[in-house]
Amino acid sequence: VFARSRHRKALNTSVSGSTGTDASDAFDPYRSWSPLTEEGYAEKLRLLREAVTIPMERWRATTVLAWLEVALGMPQYGPRCAENIKSGK
């Protein structure tokens, strides 16, 4: 099931180079990560407690981001996820 492809593509080294201008446009998962403050963490926990009674399709943007950062432990994806949220501003 997880066999490697026989036709592997060559790696694009221009993204990993430090002198290329494309390197600044590349996705850096640690660039947007910031540790939660005590108040911010408490607020996110409050949002998650309230979300237990609400179906997921009705969650607001702040609840989705709190779930992603606290419950799933993936705060580095918060900014990208926020860009894709269409409702719940």
PDB file of N, CA and C in Angstrom:
ATOM      1  N   VAL A   1       0.815  -1.196   0.000  1.00  0.00           N
ATOM      2  CA  VAL A   1       0.000   0.000   0.000  1.00  0.00           C
ATOM      3  C   VAL A   1       0.859   1.259   0.000  1.00  0.00           C
ATOM      4  N   PHE A   2       1.963   1.249   0.754  1.00  0.00           N
ATOM      5  CA  PHE A   2       2.810   2.422   0.861  1.00  0.00           C
ATOM      6  C   PHE A   2       4.104   2.279   0.061  1.00  0.00           C
ATOM      7  N   ALA A   3       4.032   1.570  -1.042  1.00  0.00           N
ATOM      8  CA  ALA A   3       5.222   1.361  -1.865  1.00  0.00           C
ATOM      9  C   ALA A   3       5.653   2.675  -2.502  1.00  0.00           C
ATOM     10  N   ARG A   4       6.941   2.807  -2.698  1.00  0.00           N
ATOM     11  CA  ARG A   4       7.455   4.013  -3.339  1.00  0.00           C
ATOM     12  C   ARG A   4       7.178   3.973  -4.827  1.00  0.00           C
ATOM     13  N   SER A   5       6.977   5.125  -5.385  1.00  0.00           N
ATOM     14  CA  SER A   5       6.733   5.237  -6.810  1.00  0.00           C
ATOM     15  C   SER A   5       8.009   4.931  -7.577  1.00  0.00           C
ATOM     16  N   ARG A   6       7.874   4.267  -8.705  1.00  0.00           N
ATOM     17  CA  ARG A   6       9.048   3.969  -9.525  1.00  0.00           C
ATOM     18  C   ARG A   6       9.527   5.197 -10.283  1.00  0.00           C
ATOM     19  N   HIS A   7       8.633   6.142 -10.476  1.00  0.00           N
ATOM     20  CA  HIS A   7       8.968   7.354 -11.221  1.00  0.00           C
ATOM     21  C   HIS A   7       8.991   8.525 -10.247  1.00  0.00           C
ATOM     22  N   ARG A   8      10.072   8.658  -9.535  1.00  0.00           N
ATOM     23  CA  ARG A   8      10.181   9.724  -8.554  1.00  0.00           C
ATOM     24  C   ARG A   8      10.599  11.017  -9.238  1.00  0.00           C
ATOM     25  N   LYS A   9       9.992  12.105  -8.815  1.00  0.00           N
ATOM     26  CA  LYS A   9      10.339  13.410  -9.363  1.00  0.00           C
ATOM     27  C   LYS A   9      11.571  13.950  -8.650  1.00  0.00           C
ATOM     28  N   ALA A  10      12.340  14.737  -9.377  1.00  0.00           N
ATOM     29  CA  ALA A  10      13.529  15.353  -8.789  1.00  0.00           C
ATOM     30  C   ALA A  10      13.100  16.445  -7.821  1.00  0.00           C
ATOM     31  N   LEU A  11      13.869  16.641  -6.764  1.00  0.00           N
ATOM     32  CA  LEU A  11      13.568  17.674  -5.794  1.00  0.00           C
ATOM     33  C   LEU A  11      13.886  19.042  -6.364  1.00  0.00           C
ATOM     34  N   ASN A  12      13.061  20.012  -6.035  1.00  0.00           N
ATOM     35  CA  ASN A  12      13.304  21.382  -6.437  1.00  0.00           C
ATOM     36  C   ASN A  12      14.171  22.032  -5.366  1.00  0.00           C
ATOM     37  N   THR A  13      15.438  22.253  -5.660  1.00  0.00           N
ATOM     38  CA  THR A  13      16.369  22.787  -4.669  1.00  0.00           C
ATOM     39  C   THR A  13      16.295  24.298  -4.546  1.00  0.00           C
ATOM     40  N   SER A  14      15.576  24.974  -5.423  1.00  0.00           N
ATOM     41  CA  SER A  14      15.517  26.429  -5.340  1.00  0.00           C
ATOM     42  C   SER A  14      14.742  26.891  -4.116  1.00  0.00           C
ATOM     43  N   VAL A  15      13.815  26.089  -3.616  1.00  0.00           N
ATOM     44  CA  VAL A  15      13.047  26.484  -2.442  1.00  0.00           C
ATOM     45  C   VAL A  15      13.894  26.384  -1.189  1.00  0.00           C
ATOM     46  N   SER A  16      14.747  25.374  -1.121  1.00  0.00           N
ATOM     47  CA  SER A  16      15.560  25.195   0.080  1.00  0.00           C
ATOM     48  C   SER A  16      16.806  26.063   0.084  1.00  0.00           C
ATOM     49  N   GLY A  17      17.133  26.688  -1.031  1.00  0.00           N
ATOM     50  CA  GLY A  17      18.310  27.552  -1.087  1.00  0.00           C
ATOM     51  C   GLY A  17      18.081  28.827  -0.309  1.00  0.00           C
ATOM     52  N   SER A  18      19.126  29.360   0.267  1.00  0.00           N
ATOM     53  CA  SER A  18      18.971  30.548   1.100  1.00  0.00           C
ATOM     54  C   SER A  18      19.039  31.835   0.293  1.00  0.00           C
ATOM     55  N   THR A  19      19.506  31.783  -0.955  1.00  0.00           N
ATOM     56  CA  THR A  19      19.663  33.006  -1.731  1.00  0.00           C
ATOM     57  C   THR A  19      18.502  33.252  -2.677  1.00  0.00           C
ATOM     58  N   GLY A  20      17.665  32.272  -2.917  1.00  0.00           N
ATOM     59  CA  GLY A  20      16.565  32.430  -3.860  1.00  0.00           C
ATOM     60  C   GLY A  20      15.443  33.271  -3.288  1.00  0.00           C
ATOM     61  N   THR A  21      14.737  33.998  -4.151  1.00  0.00           N
ATOM     62  CA  THR A  21      13.619  34.804  -3.689  1.00  0.00           C
ATOM     63  C   THR A  21      12.392  33.956  -3.439  1.00  0.00           C
ATOM     64  N   ASP A  22      12.340  32.737  -4.000  1.00  0.00           N
ATOM     65  CA  ASP A  22      11.196  31.862  -3.790  1.00  0.00           C
ATOM     66  C   ASP A  22      11.171  31.299  -2.380  1.00  0.00           C
ATOM     67  N   ALA A  23      12.283  31.319  -1.677  1.00  0.00           N
ATOM     68  CA  ALA A  23      12.346  30.744  -0.332  1.00  0.00           C
ATOM     69  C   ALA A  23      11.451  31.507   0.638  1.00  0.00           C
ATOM     70  N   SER A  24      11.277  32.816   0.427  1.00  0.00           N
ATOM     71  CA  SER A  24      10.425  33.581   1.333  1.00  0.00           C
ATOM     72  C   SER A  24       8.954  33.272   1.107  1.00  0.00           C
ATOM     73  N   ASP A  25       8.593  32.793  -0.081  1.00  0.00           N
ATOM     74  CA  ASP A  25       7.212  32.453  -0.373  1.00  0.00           C
ATOM     75  C   ASP A  25       6.862  31.032   0.037  1.00  0.00           C
ATOM     76  N   ALA A  26       7.846  30.221   0.359  1.00  0.00           N
ATOM     77  CA  ALA A  26       7.600  28.831   0.729  1.00  0.00           C
ATOM     78  C   ALA A  26       6.909  28.769   2.082  1.00  0.00           C
ATOM     79  N   PHE A  27       6.110  27.731   2.281  1.00  0.00           N
ATOM     80  CA  PHE A  27       5.389  27.559   3.531  1.00  0.00           C
ATOM     81  C   PHE A  27       6.350  27.123   4.623  1.00  0.00           C
ATOM     82  N   ASP A  28       6.379  27.859   5.702  1.00  0.00           N
ATOM     83  CA  ASP A  28       7.206  27.520   6.857  1.00  0.00           C
ATOM     84  C   ASP A  28       6.276  27.244   8.028  1.00  0.00           C
ATOM     85  N   PRO A  29       6.135  25.979   8.448  1.00  0.00           N
ATOM     86  CA  PRO A  29       5.161  25.652   9.486  1.00  0.00           C
ATOM     87  C   PRO A  29       5.465  26.271  10.839  1.00  0.00           C
ATOM     88  N   TYR A  30       6.697  26.703  11.095  1.00  0.00           N
ATOM     89  CA  TYR A  30       7.039  27.255  12.396  1.00  0.00           C
ATOM     90  C   TYR A  30       7.047  28.778  12.409  1.00  0.00           C
ATOM     91  N   ARG A  31       6.904  29.394  11.260  1.00  0.00           N
ATOM     92  CA  ARG A  31       6.975  30.847  11.184  1.00  0.00           C
ATOM     93  C   ARG A  31       5.821  31.508  11.931  1.00  0.00           C
ATOM     94  N   SER A  32       4.606  30.968  11.813  1.00  0.00           N
ATOM     95  CA  SER A  32       3.442  31.618  12.385  1.00  0.00           C
ATOM     96  C   SER A  32       3.078  31.080  13.761  1.00  0.00           C
ATOM     97  N   TRP A  33       3.841  30.133  14.285  1.00  0.00           N
ATOM     98  CA  TRP A  33       3.521  29.548  15.573  1.00  0.00           C
ATOM     99  C   TRP A  33       3.914  30.496  16.682  1.00  0.00           C
ATOM    100  N   SER A  34       3.006  30.670  17.617  1.00  0.00           N
ATOM    101  CA  SER A  34       3.321  31.459  18.795  1.00  0.00           C
ATOM    102  C   SER A  34       2.724  30.753  20.002  1.00  0.00           C
ATOM    103  N   PRO A  35       3.427  30.740  21.112  1.00  0.00           N
ATOM    104  CA  PRO A  35       2.905  30.051  22.290  1.00  0.00           C
ATOM    105  C   PRO A  35       1.649  30.738  22.809  1.00  0.00           C
ATOM    106  N   LEU A  36       0.752  29.948  23.338  1.00  0.00           N
ATOM    107  CA  LEU A  36      -0.481  30.488  23.881  1.00  0.00           C
ATOM    108  C   LEU A  36      -0.214  31.163  25.218  1.00  0.00           C
ATOM    109  N   THR A  37      -0.863  32.287  25.420  1.00  0.00           N
ATOM    110  CA  THR A  37      -0.802  32.916  26.731  1.00  0.00           C
ATOM    111  C   THR A  37      -1.802  32.209  27.632  1.00  0.00           C
ATOM    112  N   GLU A  38      -1.706  32.456  28.910  1.00  0.00           N
ATOM    113  CA  GLU A  38      -2.625  31.819  29.848  1.00  0.00           C
ATOM    114  C   GLU A  38      -4.065  32.244  29.576  1.00  0.00           C
ATOM    115  N   GLU A  39      -4.261  33.528  29.278  1.00  0.00           N
ATOM    116  CA  GLU A  39      -5.606  34.028  28.991  1.00  0.00           C
ATOM    117  C   GLU A  39      -6.120  33.467  27.670  1.00  0.00           C
ATOM    118  N   GLY A  40      -5.242  33.423  26.677  1.00  0.00           N
ATOM    119  CA  GLY A  40      -5.641  32.887  25.377  1.00  0.00           C
ATOM    120  C   GLY A  40      -5.999  31.420  25.456  1.00  0.00           C
ATOM    121  N   TYR A  41      -5.246  30.677  26.243  1.00  0.00           N
ATOM    122  CA  TYR A  41      -5.516  29.250  26.413  1.00  0.00           C
ATOM    123  C   TYR A  41      -6.844  29.042  27.132  1.00  0.00           C
ATOM    124  N   ALA A  42      -7.111  29.839  28.161  1.00  0.00           N
ATOM    125  CA  ALA A  42      -8.379  29.734  28.894  1.00  0.00           C
ATOM    126  C   ALA A  42      -9.558  30.051  27.978  1.00  0.00           C
ATOM    127  N   GLU A  43      -9.395  31.054  27.126  1.00  0.00           N
ATOM    128  CA  GLU A  43     -10.469  31.413  26.190  1.00  0.00           C
ATOM    129  C   GLU A  43     -10.711  30.292  25.187  1.00  0.00           C
ATOM    130  N   LYS A  44      -9.664  29.693  24.696  1.00  0.00           N
ATOM    131  CA  LYS A  44      -9.810  28.596  23.737  1.00  0.00           C
ATOM    132  C   LYS A  44     -10.454  27.381  24.397  1.00  0.00           C
ATOM    133  N   LEU A  45     -10.108  27.107  25.639  1.00  0.00           N
ATOM    134  CA  LEU A  45     -10.758  26.006  26.359  1.00  0.00           C
ATOM    135  C   LEU A  45     -12.246  26.280  26.559  1.00  0.00           C
ATOM    136  N   ARG A  46     -12.595  27.546  26.853  1.00  0.00           N
ATOM    137  CA  ARG A  46     -14.004  27.915  26.999  1.00  0.00           C
ATOM    138  C   ARG A  46     -14.755  27.683  25.690  1.00  0.00           C
ATOM    139  N   LEU A  47     -14.155  28.079  24.581  1.00  0.00           N
ATOM    140  CA  LEU A  47     -14.783  27.867  23.275  1.00  0.00           C
ATOM    141  C   LEU A  47     -14.984  26.379  22.989  1.00  0.00           C
ATOM    142  N   LEU A  48     -14.009  25.565  23.352  1.00  0.00           N
ATOM    143  CA  LEU A  48     -14.119  24.125  23.117  1.00  0.00           C
ATOM    144  C   LEU A  48     -15.188  23.491  23.998  1.00  0.00           C
ATOM    145  N   ARG A  49     -15.327  23.972  25.246  1.00  0.00           N
ATOM    146  CA  ARG A  49     -16.387  23.446  26.120  1.00  0.00           C
ATOM    147  C   ARG A  49     -17.758  23.779  25.556  1.00  0.00           C
ATOM    148  N   GLU A  50     -17.923  24.985  25.019  1.00  0.00           N
ATOM    149  CA  GLU A  50     -19.195  25.372  24.414  1.00  0.00           C
ATOM    150  C   GLU A  50     -19.462  24.596  23.131  1.00  0.00           C
ATOM    151  N   ALA A  51     -18.417  24.233  22.413  1.00  0.00           N
ATOM    152  CA  ALA A  51     -18.566  23.559  21.121  1.00  0.00           C
ATOM    153  C   ALA A  51     -19.065  22.128  21.253  1.00  0.00           C
ATOM    154  N   VAL A  52     -18.975  21.564  22.437  1.00  0.00           N
ATOM    155  CA  VAL A  52     -19.405  20.179  22.636  1.00  0.00           C
ATOM    156  C   VAL A  52     -20.883  20.006  22.289  1.00  0.00           C
ATOM    157  N   THR A  53     -21.690  21.019  22.544  1.00  0.00           N
ATOM    158  CA  THR A  53     -23.135  20.918  22.313  1.00  0.00           C
ATOM    159  C   THR A  53     -23.555  21.382  20.926  1.00  0.00           C
ATOM    160  N   ILE A  54     -22.616  21.878  20.138  1.00  0.00           N
ATOM    161  CA  ILE A  54     -22.932  22.431  18.816  1.00  0.00           C
ATOM    162  C   ILE A  54     -22.380  21.505  17.739  1.00  0.00           C
ATOM    163  N   PRO A  55     -23.177  21.209  16.695  1.00  0.00           N
ATOM    164  CA  PRO A  55     -22.635  20.405  15.586  1.00  0.00           C
ATOM    165  C   PRO A  55     -21.450  21.127  14.931  1.00  0.00           C
ATOM    166  N   MET A  56     -20.484  20.367  14.485  1.00  0.00           N
ATOM    167  CA  MET A  56     -19.252  20.943  13.944  1.00  0.00           C
ATOM    168  C   MET A  56     -19.500  21.873  12.755  1.00  0.00           C
ATOM    169  N   GLU A  57     -20.488  21.592  11.939  1.00  0.00           N
ATOM    170  CA  GLU A  57     -20.738  22.453  10.775  1.00  0.00           C
ATOM    171  C   GLU A  57     -21.260  23.830  11.170  1.00  0.00           C
ATOM    172  N   ARG A  58     -21.632  24.026  12.433  1.00  0.00           N
ATOM    173  CA  ARG A  58     -22.117  25.324  12.901  1.00  0.00           C
ATOM    174  C   ARG A  58     -21.081  26.062  13.745  1.00  0.00           C
ATOM    175  N   TRP A  59     -19.874  25.536  13.860  1.00  0.00           N
ATOM    176  CA  TRP A  59     -18.826  26.197  14.638  1.00  0.00           C
ATOM    177  C   TRP A  59     -18.411  27.498  13.971  1.00  0.00           C
ATOM    178  N   ARG A  60     -18.105  28.485  14.788  1.00  0.00           N
ATOM    179  CA  ARG A  60     -17.583  29.756  14.299  1.00  0.00           C
ATOM    180  C   ARG A  60     -16.074  29.613  14.049  1.00  0.00           C
ATOM    181  N   ALA A  61     -15.506  30.576  13.377  1.00  0.00           N
ATOM    182  CA  ALA A  61     -14.084  30.513  13.017  1.00  0.00           C
ATOM    183  C   ALA A  61     -13.185  30.402  14.246  1.00  0.00           C
ATOM    184  N   THR A  62     -13.503  31.143  15.300  1.00  0.00           N
ATOM    185  CA  THR A  62     -12.666  31.098  16.499  1.00  0.00           C
ATOM    186  C   THR A  62     -12.684  29.722  17.156  1.00  0.00           C
ATOM    187  N   THR A  63     -13.831  29.046  17.085  1.00  0.00           N
ATOM    188  CA  THR A  63     -13.935  27.707  17.664  1.00  0.00           C
ATOM    189  C   THR A  63     -13.127  26.705  16.853  1.00  0.00           C
ATOM    190  N   VAL A  64     -13.190  26.816  15.533  1.00  0.00           N
ATOM    191  CA  VAL A  64     -12.419  25.921  14.666  1.00  0.00           C
ATOM    192  C   VAL A  64     -10.925  26.093  14.932  1.00  0.00           C
ATOM    193  N   LEU A  65     -10.486  27.330  15.052  1.00  0.00           N
ATOM    194  CA  LEU A  65      -9.069  27.588  15.305  1.00  0.00           C
ATOM    195  C   LEU A  65      -8.651  27.110  16.698  1.00  0.00           C
ATOM    196  N   ALA A  66      -9.528  27.270  17.689  1.00  0.00           N
ATOM    197  CA  ALA A  66      -9.225  26.767  19.034  1.00  0.00           C
ATOM    198  C   ALA A  66      -9.109  25.250  19.025  1.00  0.00           C
ATOM    199  N   TRP A  67      -9.992  24.587  18.308  1.00  0.00           N
ATOM    200  CA  TRP A  67      -9.960  23.124  18.191  1.00  0.00           C
ATOM    201  C   TRP A  67      -8.656  22.672  17.535  1.00  0.00           C
ATOM    202  N   LEU A  68      -8.284  23.370  16.478  1.00  0.00           N
ATOM    203  CA  LEU A  68      -7.064  23.023  15.758  1.00  0.00           C
ATOM    204  C   LEU A  68      -5.824  23.217  16.635  1.00  0.00           C
ATOM    205  N   GLU A  69      -5.775  24.321  17.365  1.00  0.00           N
ATOM    206  CA  GLU A  69      -4.591  24.644  18.159  1.00  0.00           C
ATOM    207  C   GLU A  69      -4.503  23.858  19.462  1.00  0.00           C
ATOM    208  N   VAL A  70      -5.624  23.735  20.188  1.00  0.00           N
ATOM    209  CA  VAL A  70      -5.585  23.127  21.519  1.00  0.00           C
ATOM    210  C   VAL A  70      -5.885  21.635  21.472  1.00  0.00           C
ATOM    211  N   ALA A  71      -7.022  21.267  20.885  1.00  0.00           N
ATOM    212  CA  ALA A  71      -7.436  19.861  20.902  1.00  0.00           C
ATOM    213  C   ALA A  71      -6.545  18.994  20.017  1.00  0.00           C
ATOM    214  N   LEU A  72      -6.207  19.484  18.834  1.00  0.00           N
ATOM    215  CA  LEU A  72      -5.378  18.700  17.922  1.00  0.00           C
ATOM    216  C   LEU A  72      -3.887  18.959  18.109  1.00  0.00           C
ATOM    217  N   GLY A  73      -3.548  20.057  18.774  1.00  0.00           N
ATOM    218  CA  GLY A  73      -2.142  20.373  19.015  1.00  0.00           C
ATOM    219  C   GLY A  73      -1.383  20.771  17.765  1.00  0.00           C
ATOM    220  N   MET A  74      -2.058  21.468  16.842  1.00  0.00           N
ATOM    221  CA  MET A  74      -1.411  21.880  15.594  1.00  0.00           C
ATOM    222  C   MET A  74      -1.560  23.386  15.364  1.00  0.00           C
ATOM    223  N   PRO A  75      -0.974  24.213  16.228  1.00  0.00           N
ATOM    224  CA  PRO A  75      -1.138  25.660  16.069  1.00  0.00           C
ATOM    225  C   PRO A  75      -0.476  26.218  14.819  1.00  0.00           C
ATOM    226  N   GLN A  76       0.476  25.497  14.249  1.00  0.00           N
ATOM    227  CA  GLN A  76       1.167  25.995  13.063  1.00  0.00           C
ATOM    228  C   GLN A  76       0.245  26.062  11.845  1.00  0.00           C
ATOM    229  N   TYR A  77      -0.885  25.360  11.886  1.00  0.00           N
ATOM    230  CA  TYR A  77      -1.814  25.375  10.761  1.00  0.00           C
ATOM    231  C   TYR A  77      -2.922  26.410  10.929  1.00  0.00           C
ATOM    232  N   GLY A  78      -2.943  27.116  12.042  1.00  0.00           N
ATOM    233  CA  GLY A  78      -3.982  28.102  12.313  1.00  0.00           C
ATOM    234  C   GLY A  78      -4.122  29.183  11.254  1.00  0.00           C
ATOM    235  N   PRO A  79      -3.037  29.861  10.881  1.00  0.00           N
ATOM    236  CA  PRO A  79      -3.167  30.921   9.880  1.00  0.00           C
ATOM    237  C   PRO A  79      -3.661  30.419   8.521  1.00  0.00           C
ATOM    238  N   ARG A  80      -3.170  29.259   8.095  1.00  0.00           N
ATOM    239  CA  ARG A  80      -3.616  28.711   6.806  1.00  0.00           C
ATOM    240  C   ARG A  80      -5.082  28.302   6.869  1.00  0.00           C
ATOM    241  N   CYS A  81      -5.489  27.745   7.986  1.00  0.00           N
ATOM    242  CA  CYS A  81      -6.883  27.346   8.155  1.00  0.00           C
ATOM    243  C   CYS A  81      -7.783  28.584   8.189  1.00  0.00           C
ATOM    244  N   ALA A  82      -7.342  29.629   8.864  1.00  0.00           N
ATOM    245  CA  ALA A  82      -8.130  30.855   8.954  1.00  0.00           C
ATOM    246  C   ALA A  82      -8.380  31.455   7.577  1.00  0.00           C
ATOM    247  N   GLU A  83      -7.416  31.326   6.679  1.00  0.00           N
ATOM    248  CA  GLU A  83      -7.591  31.838   5.318  1.00  0.00           C
ATOM    249  C   GLU A  83      -8.690  31.084   4.577  1.00  0.00           C
ATOM    250  N   ASN A  84      -8.867  29.807   4.911  1.00  0.00           N
ATOM    251  CA  ASN A  84      -9.824  28.969   4.196  1.00  0.00           C
ATOM    252  C   ASN A  84     -11.217  28.951   4.808  1.00  0.00           C
ATOM    253  N   ILE A  85     -11.377  29.518   5.970  1.00  0.00           N
ATOM    254  CA  ILE A  85     -12.695  29.527   6.602  1.00  0.00           C
ATOM    255  C   ILE A  85     -13.562  30.568   5.897  1.00  0.00           C
ATOM    256  N   LYS A  86     -14.699  30.129   5.415  1.00  0.00           N
ATOM    257  CA  LYS A  86     -15.565  31.021   4.646  1.00  0.00           C
ATOM    258  C   LYS A  86     -16.594  31.738   5.519  1.00  0.00           C
ATOM    259  N   SER A  87     -17.002  31.137   6.632  1.00  0.00           N
ATOM    260  CA  SER A  87     -18.021  31.750   7.483  1.00  0.00           C
ATOM    261  C   SER A  87     -17.516  31.862   8.908  1.00  0.00           C
ATOM    262  N   GLY A  88     -18.276  32.534   9.748  1.00  0.00           N
ATOM    263  CA  GLY A  88     -17.934  32.640  11.153  1.00  0.00           C
ATOM    264  C   GLY A  88     -16.877  33.674  11.460  1.00  0.00           C
ATOM    265  N   LYS A  89     -16.916  34.801  10.782  1.00  0.00           N
ATOM    266  CA  LYS A  89     -15.884  35.829  10.979  1.00  0.00           C
ATOM    267  C   LYS A  89     -15.917  36.407  12.370  1.00  0.00           C
TER     268      LYS A  89
END
